[in-house]
Amino acid sequence: MDMKLEVVVVPVADVDRAKDFYTALGWRLDADLATGGDFRVVQVTPPGSPASVIFGTSVTSQAPGSAQGLHLIVDDIAAAHDELERLGAGPSEVFHDAGGVFHHAGTDARVPGPDPQRSSYGSFLSFSDPDGNGWVLQEVTTRLPGRVDPSATTYASASDLANALRRAAAAHGEHEARTGAEDPDWPDWYADYLVREQAGGELPS
């Protein structure tokens, strides 16, 4: 049975303040529903995310600001830092962890700057919402094998798909140079390349 993470509940003290903060970051407002004065549900979704965030009144017993280590994945940590700064989120500087595997809790073992090898999964930054709920951005440029369902190929935006097609076009050009002939089945080759690349598999040659 498939089990897909759909919603993360974030505890806040001031619902309107949280709504203004997250929508100012460009997160899509999906719902703002209330039944009387003691129950309100607000749902927002980060750009490109299949999972959403809910906060509101009487939706959780957690103390406001107690949600920590909420992760968002980006493909360019430096660009993400600049965007969050421009939008007023007050992000930390980009960092990597001294241990080199994941990051420690809080600010322990943070080393300034991105991962020296700019390894996928190795660079981070953090920011908090007005209540102190803590978010971490992690740069993932290439998924490890087995981390992506090979039967599902999706792209977060038209720009991501365009970039993937450019990579496929460059690789296909090398393929035709090796074979010394035009490939009339290039759509099939492109499709195979896109699926394998996203699944972290061996790319066609």
C-alpha atoms as a PDB file:
ATOM      1  CA  MET A   1       0.000   0.000   0.000  1.00  0.00           C
ATOM      2  CA  ASP A   2       1.365   3.420  -0.968  1.00  0.00           C
ATOM      3  CA  MET A   3       1.734   5.845   1.918  1.00  0.00           C
ATOM      4  CA  LYS A   4       2.460   9.373   0.770  1.00  0.00           C
ATOM      5  CA  LEU A   5       3.387  12.170   3.149  1.00  0.00           C
ATOM      6  CA  GLU A   6       0.636  14.712   2.512  1.00  0.00           C
ATOM      7  CA  VAL A   7       0.616  17.274   5.331  1.00  0.00           C
ATOM      8  CA  VAL A   8       2.900  18.569   8.083  1.00  0.00           C
ATOM      9  CA  VAL A   9       1.195  20.435  10.933  1.00  0.00           C
ATOM     10  CA  VAL A  10       3.085  23.454  12.260  1.00  0.00           C
ATOM     11  CA  PRO A  11       2.085  25.009  15.612  1.00  0.00           C
ATOM     12  CA  VAL A  12       1.682  28.786  15.573  1.00  0.00           C
ATOM     13  CA  ALA A  13       0.392  31.416  18.012  1.00  0.00           C
ATOM     14  CA  ASP A  14      -0.817  33.998  15.494  1.00  0.00           C
ATOM     15  CA  VAL A  15      -2.498  32.417  12.488  1.00  0.00           C
ATOM     16  CA  ASP A  16      -2.692  35.560  10.366  1.00  0.00           C
ATOM     17  CA  ARG A  17       0.948  36.391  11.027  1.00  0.00           C
ATOM     18  CA  ALA A  18       1.982  32.877   9.978  1.00  0.00           C
ATOM     19  CA  LYS A  19      -0.230  33.064   6.899  1.00  0.00           C
ATOM     20  CA  ASP A  20       1.349  36.367   5.862  1.00  0.00           C
ATOM     21  CA  PHE A  21       4.857  34.996   6.434  1.00  0.00           C
ATOM     22  CA  TYR A  22       4.473  31.822   4.396  1.00  0.00           C
ATOM     23  CA  THR A  23       2.510  33.335   1.532  1.00  0.00           C
ATOM     24  CA  ALA A  24       5.134  36.120   1.313  1.00  0.00           C
ATOM     25  CA  LEU A  25       7.652  33.350   0.595  1.00  0.00           C
ATOM     26  CA  GLY A  26       5.577  32.385  -2.446  1.00  0.00           C
ATOM     27  CA  TRP A  27       3.927  29.375  -0.840  1.00  0.00           C
ATOM     28  CA  ARG A  28       0.553  28.651  -2.407  1.00  0.00           C
ATOM     29  CA  LEU A  29      -2.475  29.311  -0.216  1.00  0.00           C
ATOM     30  CA  ASP A  30      -4.688  26.226  -0.582  1.00  0.00           C
ATOM     31  CA  ALA A  31      -7.277  26.826   2.117  1.00  0.00           C
ATOM     32  CA  ASP A  32      -8.309  29.112   4.947  1.00  0.00           C
ATOM     33  CA  LEU A  33     -11.357  27.592   6.601  1.00  0.00           C
ATOM     34  CA  ALA A  34     -12.984  28.339   9.945  1.00  0.00           C
ATOM     35  CA  THR A  35     -15.961  26.880  11.796  1.00  0.00           C
ATOM     36  CA  GLY A  36     -16.675  29.395  14.498  1.00  0.00           C
ATOM     37  CA  GLY A  37     -14.029  31.283  16.441  1.00  0.00           C
ATOM     38  CA  ASP A  38     -12.269  28.290  17.980  1.00  0.00           C
ATOM     39  CA  PHE A  39     -11.309  26.229  14.926  1.00  0.00           C
ATOM     40  CA  ARG A  40      -9.462  27.442  11.835  1.00  0.00           C
ATOM     41  CA  VAL A  41      -7.355  25.555   9.293  1.00  0.00           C
ATOM     42  CA  VAL A  42      -4.898  27.234   6.929  1.00  0.00           C
ATOM     43  CA  GLN A  43      -3.041  25.141   4.355  1.00  0.00           C
ATOM     44  CA  VAL A  44      -0.070  26.343   2.305  1.00  0.00           C
ATOM     45  CA  THR A  45       2.232  24.471  -0.062  1.00  0.00           C
ATOM     46  CA  PRO A  46       5.871  25.281  -0.850  1.00  0.00           C
ATOM     47  CA  PRO A  47       6.585  25.707  -4.588  1.00  0.00           C
ATOM     48  CA  GLY A  48       7.087  22.315  -6.223  1.00  0.00           C
ATOM     49  CA  SER A  49       6.256  20.339  -3.078  1.00  0.00           C
ATOM     50  CA  PRO A  50       3.867  17.361  -3.134  1.00  0.00           C
ATOM     51  CA  ALA A  51       3.328  17.826   0.628  1.00  0.00           C
ATOM     52  CA  SER A  52       1.587  20.772   2.270  1.00  0.00           C
ATOM     53  CA  VAL A  53       1.772  22.591   5.601  1.00  0.00           C
ATOM     54  CA  ILE A  54      -1.204  23.179   7.881  1.00  0.00           C
ATOM     55  CA  PHE A  55      -1.464  25.575  10.818  1.00  0.00           C
ATOM     56  CA  GLY A  56      -4.366  27.264  12.508  1.00  0.00           C
ATOM     57  CA  THR A  57      -6.449  27.347  15.653  1.00  0.00           C
ATOM     58  CA  SER A  58      -7.044  24.102  17.587  1.00  0.00           C
ATOM     59  CA  VAL A  59      -5.307  21.950  14.957  1.00  0.00           C
ATOM     60  CA  THR A  60      -2.474  20.785  17.236  1.00  0.00           C
ATOM     61  CA  SER A  61      -1.638  20.601  20.934  1.00  0.00           C
ATOM     62  CA  GLN A  62       2.036  21.328  20.275  1.00  0.00           C
ATOM     63  CA  ALA A  63       3.453  24.542  21.686  1.00  0.00           C
ATOM     64  CA  PRO A  64       3.902  27.307  19.090  1.00  0.00           C
ATOM     65  CA  GLY A  65       7.413  27.224  17.668  1.00  0.00           C
ATOM     66  CA  SER A  66       8.133  23.658  18.791  1.00  0.00           C
ATOM     67  CA  ALA A  67       8.351  22.160  15.277  1.00  0.00           C
ATOM     68  CA  GLN A  68      12.029  21.858  14.385  1.00  0.00           C
ATOM     69  CA  GLY A  69      14.057  20.244  11.625  1.00  0.00           C
ATOM     70  CA  LEU A  70      11.420  20.589   8.928  1.00  0.00           C
ATOM     71  CA  HIS A  71      13.239  19.971   5.644  1.00  0.00           C
ATOM     72  CA  LEU A  72      12.837  21.487   2.211  1.00  0.00           C
ATOM     73  CA  ILE A  73      14.903  20.294  -0.746  1.00  0.00           C
ATOM     74  CA  VAL A  74      16.415  22.687  -3.296  1.00  0.00           C
ATOM     75  CA  ASP A  75      18.758  22.165  -6.223  1.00  0.00           C
ATOM     76  CA  ASP A  76      20.756  25.377  -5.689  1.00  0.00           C
ATOM     77  CA  ILE A  77      21.435  26.313  -2.062  1.00  0.00           C
ATOM     78  CA  ALA A  78      23.053  29.654  -2.898  1.00  0.00           C
ATOM     79  CA  ALA A  79      20.126  30.767  -5.044  1.00  0.00           C
ATOM     80  CA  ALA A  80      17.707  29.617  -2.335  1.00  0.00           C
ATOM     81  CA  HIS A  81      19.593  31.686   0.252  1.00  0.00           C
ATOM     82  CA  ASP A  82      19.406  34.794  -1.902  1.00  0.00           C
ATOM     83  CA  GLU A  83      15.684  34.314  -2.549  1.00  0.00           C
ATOM     84  CA  LEU A  84      14.830  33.780   1.122  1.00  0.00           C
ATOM     85  CA  GLU A  85      16.866  36.807   2.069  1.00  0.00           C
ATOM     86  CA  ARG A  86      15.118  38.929  -0.552  1.00  0.00           C
ATOM     87  CA  LEU A  87      11.726  37.757   0.713  1.00  0.00           C
ATOM     88  CA  GLY A  88      12.556  38.629   4.311  1.00  0.00           C
ATOM     89  CA  ALA A  89      12.842  35.130   5.822  1.00  0.00           C
ATOM     90  CA  GLY A  90      16.196  35.910   7.476  1.00  0.00           C
ATOM     91  CA  PRO A  91      18.009  32.726   6.452  1.00  0.00           C
ATOM     92  CA  SER A  92      21.264  31.577   8.000  1.00  0.00           C
ATOM     93  CA  GLU A  93      24.382  31.495   5.916  1.00  0.00           C
ATOM     94  CA  VAL A  94      24.930  28.330   3.907  1.00  0.00           C
ATOM     95  CA  PHE A  95      26.718  25.654   5.941  1.00  0.00           C
ATOM     96  CA  HIS A  96      27.799  22.031   5.893  1.00  0.00           C
ATOM     97  CA  ASP A  97      28.206  19.644   8.801  1.00  0.00           C
ATOM     98  CA  ALA A  98      31.514  18.642  10.345  1.00  0.00           C
ATOM     99  CA  GLY A  99      30.395  15.018  10.268  1.00  0.00           C
ATOM    100  CA  GLY A 100      29.677  15.113   6.552  1.00  0.00           C
ATOM    101  CA  VAL A 101      26.648  12.822   6.622  1.00  0.00           C
ATOM    102  CA  PHE A 102      23.661  14.851   7.790  1.00  0.00           C
ATOM    103  CA  HIS A 103      23.531  17.847  10.108  1.00  0.00           C
ATOM    104  CA  HIS A 104      23.556  17.911  13.896  1.00  0.00           C
ATOM    105  CA  ALA A 105      20.648  19.290  15.898  1.00  0.00           C
ATOM    106  CA  GLY A 106      20.487  23.029  16.340  1.00  0.00           C
ATOM    107  CA  THR A 107      23.669  24.803  15.336  1.00  0.00           C
ATOM    108  CA  ASP A 108      26.124  22.163  16.602  1.00  0.00           C
ATOM    109  CA  ALA A 109      28.993  21.186  14.264  1.00  0.00           C
ATOM    110  CA  ARG A 110      28.062  23.703  11.577  1.00  0.00           C
ATOM    111  CA  VAL A 111      30.921  24.609   9.251  1.00  0.00           C
ATOM    112  CA  PRO A 112      30.472  27.844   7.253  1.00  0.00           C
ATOM    113  CA  GLY A 113      30.038  27.518   3.509  1.00  0.00           C
ATOM    114  CA  PRO A 114      28.657  24.784   1.284  1.00  0.00           C
ATOM    115  CA  ASP A 115      30.089  21.282   1.257  1.00  0.00           C
ATOM    116  CA  PRO A 116      33.643  21.640  -0.143  1.00  0.00           C
ATOM    117  CA  GLN A 117      32.961  19.044  -2.875  1.00  0.00           C
ATOM    118  CA  ARG A 118      29.439  20.464  -3.328  1.00  0.00           C
ATOM    119  CA  SER A 119      28.242  16.902  -2.864  1.00  0.00           C
ATOM    120  CA  SER A 120      24.553  16.252  -3.240  1.00  0.00           C
ATOM    121  CA  TYR A 121      22.833  16.191   0.186  1.00  0.00           C
ATOM    122  CA  GLY A 122      25.802  18.001   1.791  1.00  0.00           C
ATOM    123  CA  SER A 123      24.910  21.720   1.939  1.00  0.00           C
ATOM    124  CA  PHE A 124      22.293  23.386   4.134  1.00  0.00           C
ATOM    125  CA  LEU A 125      20.818  26.607   5.420  1.00  0.00           C
ATOM    126  CA  SER A 126      18.151  27.298   8.016  1.00  0.00           C
ATOM    127  CA  PHE A 127      15.413  29.802   8.768  1.00  0.00           C
ATOM    128  CA  SER A 128      12.552  30.149  11.226  1.00  0.00           C
ATOM    129  CA  ASP A 129       9.006  31.420  10.973  1.00  0.00           C
ATOM    130  CA  PRO A 130       7.795  34.192  13.321  1.00  0.00           C
ATOM    131  CA  ASP A 131       6.886  31.612  16.000  1.00  0.00           C
ATOM    132  CA  GLY A 132      10.320  29.976  15.871  1.00  0.00           C
ATOM    133  CA  ASN A 133       9.388  26.833  13.965  1.00  0.00           C
ATOM    134  CA  GLY A 134      12.646  25.776  12.358  1.00  0.00           C
ATOM    135  CA  TRP A 135      13.150  24.944   8.694  1.00  0.00           C
ATOM    136  CA  VAL A 136      16.256  23.511   7.027  1.00  0.00           C
ATOM    137  CA  LEU A 137      16.974  23.684   3.307  1.00  0.00           C
ATOM    138  CA  GLN A 138      19.129  20.892   1.918  1.00  0.00           C
ATOM    139  CA  GLU A 139      20.756  20.959  -1.510  1.00  0.00           C
ATOM    140  CA  VAL A 140      20.074  17.784  -3.501  1.00  0.00           C
ATOM    141  CA  THR A 141      21.380  17.774  -7.050  1.00  0.00           C
ATOM    142  CA  THR A 142      21.569  14.023  -7.707  1.00  0.00           C
ATOM    143  CA  ARG A 143      19.521  11.406  -5.909  1.00  0.00           C
ATOM    144  CA  LEU A 144      21.248   8.305  -4.620  1.00  0.00           C
ATOM    145  CA  PRO A 145      20.263   5.063  -6.389  1.00  0.00           C
ATOM    146  CA  GLY A 146      17.014   3.655  -5.093  1.00  0.00           C
ATOM    147  CA  ARG A 147      15.823   6.963  -3.640  1.00  0.00           C
ATOM    148  CA  VAL A 148      13.375   7.658  -6.468  1.00  0.00           C
ATOM    149  CA  ASP A 149      10.531   5.460  -7.680  1.00  0.00           C
ATOM    150  CA  PRO A 150      11.647   4.526 -11.218  1.00  0.00           C
ATOM    151  CA  SER A 151       8.030   4.235 -12.326  1.00  0.00           C
ATOM    152  CA  ALA A 152       7.257   7.868 -11.485  1.00  0.00           C
ATOM    153  CA  THR A 153       9.013  10.703 -13.295  1.00  0.00           C
ATOM    154  CA  THR A 154       7.927  14.192 -12.313  1.00  0.00           C
ATOM    155  CA  TYR A 155       9.380  17.691 -12.525  1.00  0.00           C
ATOM    156  CA  ALA A 156       8.677  20.540 -10.144  1.00  0.00           C
ATOM    157  CA  SER A 157       8.516  23.167 -12.872  1.00  0.00           C
ATOM    158  CA  ALA A 158       8.753  23.790 -16.598  1.00  0.00           C
ATOM    159  CA  SER A 159      12.268  25.122 -15.966  1.00  0.00           C
ATOM    160  CA  ASP A 160      13.348  21.840 -14.325  1.00  0.00           C
ATOM    161  CA  LEU A 161      11.964  19.846 -17.253  1.00  0.00           C
ATOM    162  CA  ALA A 162      13.657  22.168 -19.773  1.00  0.00           C
ATOM    163  CA  ASN A 163      16.999  21.725 -18.024  1.00  0.00           C
ATOM    164  CA  ALA A 164      16.557  17.946 -18.032  1.00  0.00           C
ATOM    165  CA  LEU A 165      15.782  18.033 -21.753  1.00  0.00           C
ATOM    166  CA  ARG A 166      18.936  20.074 -22.386  1.00  0.00           C
ATOM    167  CA  ARG A 167      21.006  17.454 -20.562  1.00  0.00           C
ATOM    168  CA  ALA A 168      19.317  14.710 -22.567  1.00  0.00           C
ATOM    169  CA  ALA A 169      19.946  16.601 -25.819  1.00  0.00           C
ATOM    170  CA  ALA A 170      23.652  16.991 -25.023  1.00  0.00           C
ATOM    171  CA  ALA A 171      23.975  13.307 -24.107  1.00  0.00           C
ATOM    172  CA  HIS A 172      22.056  12.258 -27.222  1.00  0.00           C
ATOM    173  CA  GLY A 173      24.367  14.358 -29.386  1.00  0.00           C
ATOM    174  CA  GLU A 174      27.303  12.403 -27.967  1.00  0.00           C
ATOM    175  CA  HIS A 175      25.386   9.162 -28.590  1.00  0.00           C
ATOM    176  CA  GLU A 176      24.886  10.039 -32.274  1.00  0.00           C
ATOM    177  CA  ALA A 177      28.536  11.046 -32.599  1.00  0.00           C
ATOM    178  CA  ARG A 178      29.578   7.635 -31.275  1.00  0.00           C
ATOM    179  CA  THR A 179      27.219   5.720 -33.566  1.00  0.00           C
ATOM    180  CA  GLY A 180      27.953   7.934 -36.572  1.00  0.00           C
ATOM    181  CA  ALA A 181      24.283   8.044 -37.575  1.00  0.00           C
ATOM    182  CA  GLU A 182      21.160  10.034 -36.880  1.00  0.00           C
ATOM    183  CA  ASP A 183      18.822   8.356 -34.442  1.00  0.00           C
ATOM    184  CA  PRO A 184      15.241   8.305 -35.758  1.00  0.00           C
ATOM    185  CA  ASP A 185      14.045   6.983 -32.388  1.00  0.00           C
ATOM    186  CA  TRP A 186      15.419   9.949 -30.456  1.00  0.00           C
ATOM    187  CA  PRO A 187      12.113  10.535 -28.548  1.00  0.00           C
ATOM    188  CA  ASP A 188      12.432   7.056 -27.023  1.00  0.00           C
ATOM    189  CA  TRP A 189      16.088   7.716 -26.176  1.00  0.00           C
ATOM    190  CA  TYR A 190      15.224  11.045 -24.532  1.00  0.00           C
ATOM    191  CA  ALA A 191      12.424   9.449 -22.510  1.00  0.00           C
ATOM    192  CA  ASP A 192      14.712   6.652 -21.332  1.00  0.00           C
ATOM    193  CA  TYR A 193      17.363   9.205 -20.344  1.00  0.00           C
ATOM    194  CA  LEU A 194      14.925  11.368 -18.353  1.00  0.00           C
ATOM    195  CA  VAL A 195      13.484   8.418 -16.434  1.00  0.00           C
ATOM    196  CA  ARG A 196      16.880   6.909 -15.625  1.00  0.00           C
ATOM    197  CA  GLU A 197      18.392  10.246 -14.613  1.00  0.00           C
ATOM    198  CA  GLN A 198      15.631  11.040 -12.158  1.00  0.00           C
ATOM    199  CA  ALA A 199      15.710   7.533 -10.686  1.00  0.00           C
ATOM    200  CA  GLY A 200      19.472   7.738 -10.209  1.00  0.00           C
ATOM    201  CA  GLY A 201      20.084   4.814 -12.554  1.00  0.00           C
ATOM    202  CA  GLU A 202      22.783   4.232 -15.165  1.00  0.00           C
ATOM    203  CA  LEU A 203      22.279   6.627 -18.036  1.00  0.00           C
ATOM    204  CA  PRO A 204      21.996   5.402 -21.653  1.00  0.00           C
ATOM    205  CA  SER A 205      25.083   5.798 -23.783  1.00  0.00           C
END
